[in-house]
Amino acid sequence: MTILKKPIRTCVVCRRKFEQDVLIRLKCENKKLSTYDNSGRSFYICKECISFLEDINSKNYKKLEKALFRECRNKDNYVGQLKEILTHVR
Protein backbone atom coordinates (compact mmCIF):
# COMPACT_ATOMS: atom_id res chain seq x y z
CA MET A 1 0.00 0.00 0.00
CA THR A 2 1.32 3.42 -0.94
CA ILE A 3 1.41 6.15 1.68
CA LEU A 4 0.40 9.47 0.17
CA LYS A 5 2.12 12.60 1.41
CA LYS A 6 0.11 15.75 2.10
CA PRO A 7 1.08 18.80 0.03
CA ILE A 8 3.42 21.25 1.76
CA ARG A 9 2.90 25.00 1.22
CA THR A 10 4.66 28.14 2.46
CA CYS A 11 3.08 30.99 4.42
CA VAL A 12 3.80 34.30 2.62
CA VAL A 13 4.24 36.15 5.92
CA CYS A 14 6.54 33.98 8.06
CA ARG A 15 7.89 31.80 5.20
CA ARG A 16 7.47 28.63 7.25
CA LYS A 17 6.24 25.42 5.65
CA PHE A 18 2.94 23.79 6.66
CA GLU A 19 0.61 21.13 5.35
CA GLN A 20 -1.87 22.62 2.90
CA ASP A 21 -4.97 21.94 5.02
CA VAL A 22 -3.61 24.05 7.92
CA LEU A 23 -3.25 27.23 5.87
CA ILE A 24 -5.83 29.73 4.60
CA ARG A 25 -5.76 30.20 0.83
CA LEU A 26 -6.46 33.66 -0.57
CA LYS A 27 -6.14 35.49 -3.86
CA CYS A 28 -5.95 39.10 -4.95
CA GLU A 29 -7.87 40.13 -8.03
CA ASN A 30 -8.75 43.63 -9.25
CA LYS A 31 -7.42 45.25 -6.04
CA LYS A 32 -9.72 43.07 -3.91
CA LEU A 33 -8.68 40.32 -1.54
CA SER A 34 -10.88 37.20 -1.54
CA THR A 35 -10.84 33.50 -0.77
CA TYR A 36 -9.56 31.29 -3.53
CA ASP A 37 -12.21 30.11 -6.03
CA ASN A 38 -10.15 27.79 -8.28
CA SER A 39 -9.10 30.46 -10.75
CA GLY A 40 -6.03 32.68 -10.86
CA ARG A 41 -2.96 32.83 -8.63
CA SER A 42 -3.26 32.33 -4.92
CA PHE A 43 -1.18 32.49 -1.75
CA TYR A 44 -1.31 31.01 1.74
CA ILE A 45 -1.30 32.51 5.24
CA CYS A 46 -0.95 30.44 8.42
CA LYS A 47 -3.26 30.84 11.39
CA GLU A 48 -0.43 32.10 13.61
CA CYS A 49 0.27 35.00 11.25
CA ILE A 50 -3.43 35.84 11.10
CA SER A 51 -3.35 36.29 14.87
CA PHE A 52 -1.09 39.33 14.22
CA LEU A 53 -4.20 41.26 13.11
CA GLU A 54 -5.08 41.96 16.76
CA ASP A 55 -2.10 44.18 17.65
CA ILE A 56 -1.78 47.04 15.16
CA ASN A 57 1.42 48.44 16.73
CA SER A 58 3.42 45.21 16.64
CA LYS A 59 6.29 44.43 14.29
CA ASN A 60 4.44 41.31 13.12
CA TYR A 61 1.41 43.35 12.02
CA LYS A 62 3.66 45.38 9.73
CA LYS A 63 5.17 42.14 8.43
CA LEU A 64 1.67 40.84 7.57
CA GLU A 65 0.78 44.12 5.89
CA LYS A 66 4.00 44.10 3.84
CA ALA A 67 3.41 40.51 2.70
CA LEU A 68 -0.10 41.39 1.51
CA PHE A 69 1.27 44.42 -0.37
CA ARG A 70 3.88 42.21 -2.03
CA GLU A 71 1.40 39.52 -3.08
CA CYS A 72 -1.22 41.96 -4.40
CA ARG A 73 1.36 44.27 -5.98
CA ASN A 74 -0.07 47.56 -4.64
CA LYS A 75 -0.72 49.32 -1.32
CA ASP A 76 -4.47 49.25 -0.75
CA ASN A 77 -6.11 48.39 2.58
CA TYR A 78 -5.71 44.61 2.36
CA VAL A 79 -5.50 44.11 6.12
CA GLY A 80 -9.02 45.52 6.51
CA GLN A 81 -10.24 43.26 3.71
CA LEU A 82 -8.57 40.26 5.38
CA LYS A 83 -10.33 41.03 8.67
CA GLU A 84 -13.65 41.20 6.81
CA ILE A 85 -13.03 37.87 5.07
CA LEU A 86 -12.13 36.15 8.34
CA THR A 87 -15.24 37.39 10.14
CA HIS A 88 -17.46 36.04 7.35
CA VAL A 89 -15.62 32.70 7.10
CA ARG A 90 -15.78 31.91 10.80
PDB file of N, CA and C in Angstrom:
ATOM      1  N   MET A   1       0.836  -1.177   0.000  1.00  0.00           N
ATOM      2  CA  MET A   1       0.000   0.000   0.000  1.00  0.00           C
ATOM      3  C   MET A   1       0.885   1.245   0.000  1.00  0.00           C
ATOM      4  N   THR A   2       0.546   2.195  -0.819  1.00  0.00           N
ATOM      5  CA  THR A   2       1.322   3.419  -0.943  1.00  0.00           C
ATOM      6  C   THR A   2       0.827   4.456   0.057  1.00  0.00           C
ATOM      7  N   ILE A   3       1.755   5.080   0.740  1.00  0.00           N
ATOM      8  CA  ILE A   3       1.414   6.147   1.679  1.00  0.00           C
ATOM      9  C   ILE A   3       1.519   7.469   0.935  1.00  0.00           C
ATOM     10  N   LEU A   4       0.402   8.193   0.863  1.00  0.00           N
ATOM     11  CA  LEU A   4       0.405   9.475   0.170  1.00  0.00           C
ATOM     12  C   LEU A   4       0.830  10.583   1.111  1.00  0.00           C
ATOM     13  N   LYS A   5       1.675  11.469   0.617  1.00  0.00           N
ATOM     14  CA  LYS A   5       2.116  12.605   1.406  1.00  0.00           C
ATOM     15  C   LYS A   5       1.168  13.768   1.187  1.00  0.00           C
ATOM     16  N   LYS A   6       0.948  14.563   2.229  1.00  0.00           N
ATOM     17  CA  LYS A   6       0.115  15.748   2.099  1.00  0.00           C
ATOM     18  C   LYS A   6       0.948  16.867   1.490  1.00  0.00           C
ATOM     19  N   PRO A   7       0.332  17.702   0.655  1.00  0.00           N
ATOM     20  CA  PRO A   7       1.081  18.803   0.033  1.00  0.00           C
ATOM     21  C   PRO A   7       1.583  19.798   1.077  1.00  0.00           C
ATOM     22  N   ILE A   8       2.795  20.280   0.883  1.00  0.00           N
ATOM     23  CA  ILE A   8       3.416  21.253   1.765  1.00  0.00           C
ATOM     24  C   ILE A   8       3.399  22.608   1.061  1.00  0.00           C
ATOM     25  N   ARG A   9       2.957  23.652   1.766  1.00  0.00           N
ATOM     26  CA  ARG A   9       2.904  25.003   1.216  1.00  0.00           C
ATOM     27  C   ARG A   9       3.587  25.961   2.182  1.00  0.00           C
ATOM     28  N   THR A  10       3.942  27.143   1.680  1.00  0.00           N
ATOM     29  CA  THR A  10       4.664  28.140   2.460  1.00  0.00           C
ATOM     30  C   THR A  10       3.774  29.326   2.766  1.00  0.00           C
ATOM     31  N   CYS A  11       3.787  29.780   4.009  1.00  0.00           N
ATOM     32  CA  CYS A  11       3.080  30.992   4.416  1.00  0.00           C
ATOM     33  C   CYS A  11       3.839  32.190   3.859  1.00  0.00           C
ATOM     34  N   VAL A  12       3.119  33.147   3.242  1.00  0.00           N
ATOM     35  CA  VAL A  12       3.797  34.297   2.623  1.00  0.00           C
ATOM     36  C   VAL A  12       4.306  35.295   3.650  1.00  0.00           C
ATOM     37  N   VAL A  13       3.833  35.203   4.894  1.00  0.00           N
ATOM     38  CA  VAL A  13       4.242  36.151   5.924  1.00  0.00           C
ATOM     39  C   VAL A  13       5.492  35.659   6.648  1.00  0.00           C
ATOM     40  N   CYS A  14       5.426  34.485   7.250  1.00  0.00           N
ATOM     41  CA  CYS A  14       6.542  33.984   8.059  1.00  0.00           C
ATOM     42  C   CYS A  14       7.491  33.068   7.289  1.00  0.00           C
ATOM     43  N   ARG A  15       7.095  32.658   6.069  1.00  0.00           N
ATOM     44  CA  ARG A  15       7.894  31.798   5.197  1.00  0.00           C
ATOM     45  C   ARG A  15       8.169  30.415   5.788  1.00  0.00           C
ATOM     46  N   ARG A  16       7.333  29.986   6.737  1.00  0.00           N
ATOM     47  CA  ARG A  16       7.472  28.629   7.254  1.00  0.00           C
ATOM     48  C   ARG A  16       6.609  27.683   6.429  1.00  0.00           C
ATOM     49  N   LYS A  17       6.949  26.417   6.436  1.00  0.00           N
ATOM     50  CA  LYS A  17       6.236  25.418   5.646  1.00  0.00           C
ATOM     51  C   LYS A  17       5.230  24.679   6.523  1.00  0.00           C
ATOM     52  N   PHE A  18       4.021  24.474   5.975  1.00  0.00           N
ATOM     53  CA  PHE A  18       2.937  23.785   6.661  1.00  0.00           C
ATOM     54  C   PHE A  18       2.249  22.851   5.678  1.00  0.00           C
ATOM     55  N   GLU A  19       1.458  21.925   6.216  1.00  0.00           N
ATOM     56  CA  GLU A  19       0.606  21.127   5.353  1.00  0.00           C
ATOM     57  C   GLU A  19      -0.490  22.036   4.800  1.00  0.00           C
ATOM     58  N   GLN A  20      -0.950  21.738   3.611  1.00  0.00           N
ATOM     59  CA  GLN A  20      -1.866  22.623   2.903  1.00  0.00           C
ATOM     60  C   GLN A  20      -3.183  22.829   3.653  1.00  0.00           C
ATOM     61  N   ASP A  21      -3.671  21.817   4.353  1.00  0.00           N
ATOM     62  CA  ASP A  21      -4.967  21.940   5.020  1.00  0.00           C
ATOM     63  C   ASP A  21      -4.926  22.807   6.277  1.00  0.00           C
ATOM     64  N   VAL A  22      -3.757  23.205   6.739  1.00  0.00           N
ATOM     65  CA  VAL A  22      -3.612  24.048   7.923  1.00  0.00           C
ATOM     66  C   VAL A  22      -3.670  25.534   7.553  1.00  0.00           C
ATOM     67  N   LEU A  23      -3.353  25.853   6.317  1.00  0.00           N
ATOM     68  CA  LEU A  23      -3.247  27.235   5.867  1.00  0.00           C
ATOM     69  C   LEU A  23      -4.562  27.749   5.281  1.00  0.00           C
ATOM     70  N   ILE A  24      -4.692  29.076   5.244  1.00  0.00           N
ATOM     71  CA  ILE A  24      -5.830  29.726   4.603  1.00  0.00           C
ATOM     72  C   ILE A  24      -5.366  30.208   3.228  1.00  0.00           C
ATOM     73  N   ARG A  25      -6.147  29.880   2.211  1.00  0.00           N
ATOM     74  CA  ARG A  25      -5.764  30.200   0.834  1.00  0.00           C
ATOM     75  C   ARG A  25      -6.561  31.406   0.344  1.00  0.00           C
ATOM     76  N   LEU A  26      -5.849  32.411  -0.116  1.00  0.00           N
ATOM     77  CA  LEU A  26      -6.458  33.664  -0.573  1.00  0.00           C
ATOM     78  C   LEU A  26      -5.943  34.018  -1.959  1.00  0.00           C
ATOM     79  N   LYS A  27      -6.626  34.956  -2.601  1.00  0.00           N
ATOM     80  CA  LYS A  27      -6.136  35.493  -3.865  1.00  0.00           C
ATOM     81  C   LYS A  27      -6.455  36.973  -3.927  1.00  0.00           C
ATOM     82  N   CYS A  28      -5.740  37.680  -4.760  1.00  0.00           N
ATOM     83  CA  CYS A  28      -5.952  39.103  -4.948  1.00  0.00           C
ATOM     84  C   CYS A  28      -6.280  39.326  -6.416  1.00  0.00           C
ATOM     85  N   GLU A  29      -7.450  39.916  -6.664  1.00  0.00           N
ATOM     86  CA  GLU A  29      -7.874  40.134  -8.030  1.00  0.00           C
ATOM     87  C   GLU A  29      -8.590  41.469  -8.123  1.00  0.00           C
ATOM     88  N   ASN A  30      -8.161  42.300  -9.049  1.00  0.00           N
ATOM     89  CA  ASN A  30      -8.751  43.634  -9.248  1.00  0.00           C
ATOM     90  C   ASN A  30      -8.746  44.475  -7.966  1.00  0.00           C
ATOM     91  N   LYS A  31      -7.611  44.493  -7.280  1.00  0.00           N
ATOM     92  CA  LYS A  31      -7.417  45.252  -6.041  1.00  0.00           C
ATOM     93  C   LYS A  31      -8.395  44.841  -4.933  1.00  0.00           C
ATOM     94  N   LYS A  32      -8.825  43.570  -4.947  1.00  0.00           N
ATOM     95  CA  LYS A  32      -9.725  43.068  -3.914  1.00  0.00           C
ATOM     96  C   LYS A  32      -9.219  41.713  -3.449  1.00  0.00           C
ATOM     97  N   LEU A  33      -9.128  41.559  -2.158  1.00  0.00           N
ATOM     98  CA  LEU A  33      -8.683  40.317  -1.545  1.00  0.00           C
ATOM     99  C   LEU A  33      -9.898  39.416  -1.358  1.00  0.00           C
ATOM    100  N   SER A  34      -9.763  38.131  -1.694  1.00  0.00           N
ATOM    101  CA  SER A  34     -10.881  37.203  -1.535  1.00  0.00           C
ATOM    102  C   SER A  34     -10.347  35.794  -1.312  1.00  0.00           C
ATOM    103  N   THR A  35     -11.234  34.898  -0.905  1.00  0.00           N
ATOM    104  CA  THR A  35     -10.842  33.501  -0.765  1.00  0.00           C
ATOM    105  C   THR A  35     -10.663  32.914  -2.162  1.00  0.00           C
ATOM    106  N   TYR A  36      -9.892  31.874  -2.238  1.00  0.00           N
ATOM    107  CA  TYR A  36      -9.561  31.288  -3.535  1.00  0.00           C
ATOM    108  C   TYR A  36     -10.768  30.541  -4.094  1.00  0.00           C
ATOM    109  N   ASP A  37     -11.063  30.745  -5.387  1.00  0.00           N
ATOM    110  CA  ASP A  37     -12.210  30.109  -6.034  1.00  0.00           C
ATOM    111  C   ASP A  37     -11.811  29.307  -7.274  1.00  0.00           C
ATOM    112  N   ASN A  38     -10.658  28.664  -7.220  1.00  0.00           N
ATOM    113  CA  ASN A  38     -10.151  27.785  -8.279  1.00  0.00           C
ATOM    114  C   ASN A  38      -9.834  28.493  -9.592  1.00  0.00           C
ATOM    115  N   SER A  39      -9.568  29.779  -9.556  1.00  0.00           N
ATOM    116  CA  SER A  39      -9.102  30.465 -10.754  1.00  0.00           C
ATOM    117  C   SER A  39      -8.095  31.539 -10.357  1.00  0.00           C
ATOM    118  N   GLY A  40      -7.035  31.669 -11.139  1.00  0.00           N
ATOM    119  CA  GLY A  40      -6.034  32.679 -10.863  1.00  0.00           C
ATOM    120  C   GLY A  40      -4.946  32.208  -9.911  1.00  0.00           C
ATOM    121  N   ARG A  41      -4.067  33.134  -9.550  1.00  0.00           N
ATOM    122  CA  ARG A  41      -2.962  32.834  -8.631  1.00  0.00           C
ATOM    123  C   ARG A  41      -3.423  33.025  -7.200  1.00  0.00           C
ATOM    124  N   SER A  42      -2.860  32.236  -6.320  1.00  0.00           N
ATOM    125  CA  SER A  42      -3.256  32.329  -4.917  1.00  0.00           C
ATOM    126  C   SER A  42      -2.023  32.315  -4.029  1.00  0.00           C
ATOM    127  N   PHE A  43      -2.246  32.553  -2.737  1.00  0.00           N
ATOM    128  CA  PHE A  43      -1.176  32.495  -1.747  1.00  0.00           C
ATOM    129  C   PHE A  43      -1.766  32.006  -0.433  1.00  0.00           C
ATOM    130  N   TYR A  44      -0.896  31.613   0.475  1.00  0.00           N
ATOM    131  CA  TYR A  44      -1.314  31.008   1.737  1.00  0.00           C
ATOM    132  C   TYR A  44      -0.844  31.841   2.916  1.00  0.00           C
ATOM    133  N   ILE A  45      -1.668  31.875   3.972  1.00  0.00           N
ATOM    134  CA  ILE A  45      -1.303  32.513   5.237  1.00  0.00           C
ATOM    135  C   ILE A  45      -1.642  31.540   6.360  1.00  0.00           C
ATOM    136  N   CYS A  46      -0.711  31.362   7.304  1.00  0.00           N
ATOM    137  CA  CYS A  46      -0.953  30.445   8.418  1.00  0.00           C
ATOM    138  C   CYS A  46      -1.802  31.128   9.488  1.00  0.00           C
ATOM    139  N   LYS A  47      -2.377  30.322  10.350  1.00  0.00           N
ATOM    140  CA  LYS A  47      -3.263  30.840  11.394  1.00  0.00           C
ATOM    141  C   LYS A  47      -2.508  31.661  12.432  1.00  0.00           C
ATOM    142  N   GLU A  48      -1.240  31.331  12.656  1.00  0.00           N
ATOM    143  CA  GLU A  48      -0.433  32.095  13.608  1.00  0.00           C
ATOM    144  C   GLU A  48      -0.195  33.523  13.106  1.00  0.00           C
ATOM    145  N   CYS A  49       0.059  33.664  11.830  1.00  0.00           N
ATOM    146  CA  CYS A  49       0.268  34.998  11.250  1.00  0.00           C
ATOM    147  C   CYS A  49      -1.023  35.796  11.210  1.00  0.00           C
ATOM    148  N   ILE A  50      -2.151  35.136  11.078  1.00  0.00           N
ATOM    149  CA  ILE A  50      -3.434  35.837  11.097  1.00  0.00           C
ATOM    150  C   ILE A  50      -3.712  36.401  12.484  1.00  0.00           C
ATOM    151  N   SER A  51      -3.164  35.774  13.516  1.00  0.00           N
ATOM    152  CA  SER A  51      -3.349  36.294  14.872  1.00  0.00           C
ATOM    153  C   SER A  51      -2.648  37.638  15.060  1.00  0.00           C
ATOM    154  N   PHE A  52      -1.766  38.037  14.142  1.00  0.00           N
ATOM    155  CA  PHE A  52      -1.092  39.335  14.216  1.00  0.00           C
ATOM    156  C   PHE A  52      -2.046  40.489  13.946  1.00  0.00           C
ATOM    157  N   LEU A  53      -3.229  40.210  13.416  1.00  0.00           N
ATOM    158  CA  LEU A  53      -4.204  41.259  13.108  1.00  0.00           C
ATOM    159  C   LEU A  53      -4.675  41.996  14.351  1.00  0.00           C
ATOM    160  N   GLU A  54      -4.550  41.385  15.520  1.00  0.00           N
ATOM    161  CA  GLU A  54      -5.076  41.957  16.760  1.00  0.00           C
ATOM    162  C   GLU A  54      -4.278  43.169  17.237  1.00  0.00           C
ATOM    163  N   ASP A  55      -2.957  43.118  17.122  1.00  0.00           N
ATOM    164  CA  ASP A  55      -2.101  44.180  17.655  1.00  0.00           C
ATOM    165  C   ASP A  55      -1.546  45.033  16.519  1.00  0.00           C
ATOM    166  N   ILE A  56      -2.150  46.184  16.290  1.00  0.00           N
ATOM    167  CA  ILE A  56      -1.784  47.045  15.164  1.00  0.00           C
ATOM    168  C   ILE A  56      -0.370  47.604  15.310  1.00  0.00           C
ATOM    169  N   ASN A  57       0.111  47.815  16.512  1.00  0.00           N
ATOM    170  CA  ASN A  57       1.415  48.439  16.726  1.00  0.00           C
ATOM    171  C   ASN A  57       2.585  47.457  16.728  1.00  0.00           C
ATOM    172  N   SER A  58       2.324  46.183  16.552  1.00  0.00           N
ATOM    173  CA  SER A  58       3.420  45.210  16.635  1.00  0.00           C
ATOM    174  C   SER A  58       4.213  45.139  15.334  1.00  0.00           C
ATOM    175  N   LYS A  59       5.412  44.615  15.443  1.00  0.00           N
ATOM    176  CA  LYS A  59       6.288  44.427  14.286  1.00  0.00           C
ATOM    177  C   LYS A  59       5.687  43.375  13.354  1.00  0.00           C
ATOM    178  N   ASN A  60       5.022  42.380  13.929  1.00  0.00           N
ATOM    179  CA  ASN A  60       4.444  41.309  13.123  1.00  0.00           C
ATOM    180  C   ASN A  60       3.263  41.786  12.290  1.00  0.00           C
ATOM    181  N   TYR A  61       2.513  42.766  12.780  1.00  0.00           N
ATOM    182  CA  TYR A  61       1.406  43.347  12.022  1.00  0.00           C
ATOM    183  C   TYR A  61       1.943  44.000  10.751  1.00  0.00           C
ATOM    184  N   LYS A  62       3.037  44.730  10.885  1.00  0.00           N
ATOM    185  CA  LYS A  62       3.662  45.383   9.735  1.00  0.00           C
ATOM    186  C   LYS A  62       4.188  44.344   8.740  1.00  0.00           C
ATOM    187  N   LYS A  63       4.676  43.221   9.271  1.00  0.00           N
ATOM    188  CA  LYS A  63       5.170  42.142   8.428  1.00  0.00           C
ATOM    189  C   LYS A  63       4.025  41.524   7.615  1.00  0.00           C
ATOM    190  N   LEU A  64       2.865  41.355   8.255  1.00  0.00           N
ATOM    191  CA  LEU A  64       1.673  40.843   7.574  1.00  0.00           C
ATOM    192  C   LEU A  64       1.221  41.813   6.484  1.00  0.00           C
ATOM    193  N   GLU A  65       1.198  43.094   6.834  1.00  0.00           N
ATOM    194  CA  GLU A  65       0.783  44.117   5.890  1.00  0.00           C
ATOM    195  C   GLU A  65       1.719  44.158   4.671  1.00  0.00           C
ATOM    196  N   LYS A  66       3.004  44.072   4.914  1.00  0.00           N
ATOM    197  CA  LYS A  66       4.000  44.103   3.840  1.00  0.00           C
ATOM    198  C   LYS A  66       3.869  42.881   2.928  1.00  0.00           C
ATOM    199  N   ALA A  67       3.585  41.720   3.504  1.00  0.00           N
ATOM    200  CA  ALA A  67       3.410  40.506   2.703  1.00  0.00           C
ATOM    201  C   ALA A  67       2.178  40.613   1.807  1.00  0.00           C
ATOM    202  N   LEU A  68       1.101  41.200   2.323  1.00  0.00           N
ATOM    203  CA  LEU A  68      -0.101  41.391   1.506  1.00  0.00           C
ATOM    204  C   LEU A  68       0.161  42.390   0.379  1.00  0.00           C
ATOM    205  N   PHE A  69       0.902  43.454   0.662  1.00  0.00           N
ATOM    206  CA  PHE A  69       1.269  44.420  -0.375  1.00  0.00           C
ATOM    207  C   PHE A  69       2.078  43.735  -1.476  1.00  0.00           C
ATOM    208  N   ARG A  70       3.006  42.887  -1.078  1.00  0.00           N
ATOM    209  CA  ARG A  70       3.879  42.211  -2.027  1.00  0.00           C
ATOM    210  C   ARG A  70       3.081  41.240  -2.909  1.00  0.00           C
ATOM    211  N   GLU A  71       2.168  40.492  -2.316  1.00  0.00           N
ATOM    212  CA  GLU A  71       1.397  39.520  -3.083  1.00  0.00           C
ATOM    213  C   GLU A  71       0.389  40.179  -4.019  1.00  0.00           C
ATOM    214  N   CYS A  72      -0.196  41.289  -3.594  1.00  0.00           N
ATOM    215  CA  CYS A  72      -1.224  41.956  -4.402  1.00  0.00           C
ATOM    216  C   CYS A  72      -0.652  43.048  -5.286  1.00  0.00           C
ATOM    217  N   ARG A  73       0.618  43.338  -5.137  1.00  0.00           N
ATOM    218  CA  ARG A  73       1.361  44.272  -5.977  1.00  0.00           C
ATOM    219  C   ARG A  73       0.857  45.710  -5.947  1.00  0.00           C
ATOM    220  N   ASN A  74       0.237  46.142  -4.861  1.00  0.00           N
ATOM    221  CA  ASN A  74      -0.069  47.560  -4.643  1.00  0.00           C
ATOM    222  C   ASN A  74      -0.367  47.770  -3.163  1.00  0.00           C
ATOM    223  N   LYS A  75      -0.641  48.995  -2.742  1.00  0.00           N
ATOM    224  CA  LYS A  75      -0.721  49.319  -1.323  1.00  0.00           C
ATOM    225  C   LYS A  75      -2.119  49.767  -0.903  1.00  0.00           C
ATOM    226  N   ASP A  76      -3.120  48.969  -1.222  1.00  0.00           N
ATOM    227  CA  ASP A  76      -4.475  49.248  -0.750  1.00  0.00           C
ATOM    228  C   ASP A  76      -4.643  48.710   0.663  1.00  0.00           C
ATOM    229  N   ASN A  77      -5.832  48.837   1.213  1.00  0.00           N
ATOM    230  CA  ASN A  77      -6.108  48.390   2.581  1.00  0.00           C
ATOM    231  C   ASN A  77      -6.461  46.901   2.593  1.00  0.00           C
ATOM    232  N   TYR A  78      -5.466  46.046   2.395  1.00  0.00           N
ATOM    233  CA  TYR A  78      -5.714  44.614   2.360  1.00  0.00           C
ATOM    234  C   TYR A  78      -5.902  44.018   3.743  1.00  0.00           C
ATOM    235  N   VAL A  79      -5.333  44.629   4.755  1.00  0.00           N
ATOM    236  CA  VAL A  79      -5.496  44.113   6.118  1.00  0.00           C
ATOM    237  C   VAL A  79      -6.964  44.233   6.532  1.00  0.00           C
ATOM    238  N   GLY A  80      -7.590  45.347   6.213  1.00  0.00           N
ATOM    239  CA  GLY A  80      -9.017  45.521   6.506  1.00  0.00           C
ATOM    240  C   GLY A  80      -9.860  44.511   5.757  1.00  0.00           C
ATOM    241  N   GLN A  81      -9.512  44.254   4.489  1.00  0.00           N
ATOM    242  CA  GLN A  81     -10.243  43.258   3.709  1.00  0.00           C
ATOM    243  C   GLN A  81     -10.045  41.863   4.280  1.00  0.00           C
ATOM    244  N   LEU A  82      -8.839  41.566   4.774  1.00  0.00           N
ATOM    245  CA  LEU A  82      -8.566  40.263   5.378  1.00  0.00           C
ATOM    246  C   LEU A  82      -9.396  40.078   6.640  1.00  0.00           C
ATOM    247  N   LYS A  83      -9.499  41.107   7.467  1.00  0.00           N
ATOM    248  CA  LYS A  83     -10.332  41.029   8.672  1.00  0.00           C
ATOM    249  C   LYS A  83     -11.785  40.740   8.302  1.00  0.00           C
ATOM    250  N   GLU A  84     -12.269  41.396   7.254  1.00  0.00           N
ATOM    251  CA  GLU A  84     -13.647  41.203   6.811  1.00  0.00           C
ATOM    252  C   GLU A  84     -13.870  39.772   6.313  1.00  0.00           C
ATOM    253  N   ILE A  85     -12.921  39.241   5.571  1.00  0.00           N
ATOM    254  CA  ILE A  85     -13.028  37.865   5.072  1.00  0.00           C
ATOM    255  C   ILE A  85     -13.066  36.884   6.234  1.00  0.00           C
ATOM    256  N   LEU A  86     -12.203  37.083   7.219  1.00  0.00           N
ATOM    257  CA  LEU A  86     -12.127  36.149   8.343  1.00  0.00           C
ATOM    258  C   LEU A  86     -13.382  36.187   9.210  1.00  0.00           C
ATOM    259  N   THR A  87     -14.020  37.330   9.343  1.00  0.00           N
ATOM    260  CA  THR A  87     -15.244  37.394  10.143  1.00  0.00           C
ATOM    261  C   THR A  87     -16.400  36.701   9.427  1.00  0.00           C
ATOM    262  N   HIS A  88     -16.399  36.715   8.090  1.00  0.00           N
ATOM    263  CA  HIS A  88     -17.463  36.037   7.347  1.00  0.00           C
ATOM    264  C   HIS A  88     -17.215  34.542   7.238  1.00  0.00           C
ATOM    265  N   VAL A  89     -15.952  34.107   7.222  1.00  0.00           N
ATOM    266  CA  VAL A  89     -15.625  32.702   7.096  1.00  0.00           C
ATOM    267  C   VAL A  89     -15.908  31.965   8.401  1.00  0.00           C
ATOM    268  N   ARG A  90     -15.609  32.578   9.513  1.00  0.00           N
ATOM    269  CA  ARG A  90     -15.775  31.914  10.802  1.00  0.00           C
ATOM    270  C   ARG A  90     -17.192  31.884  11.144  1.00  0.00           C
TER     271      ARG A  90
END
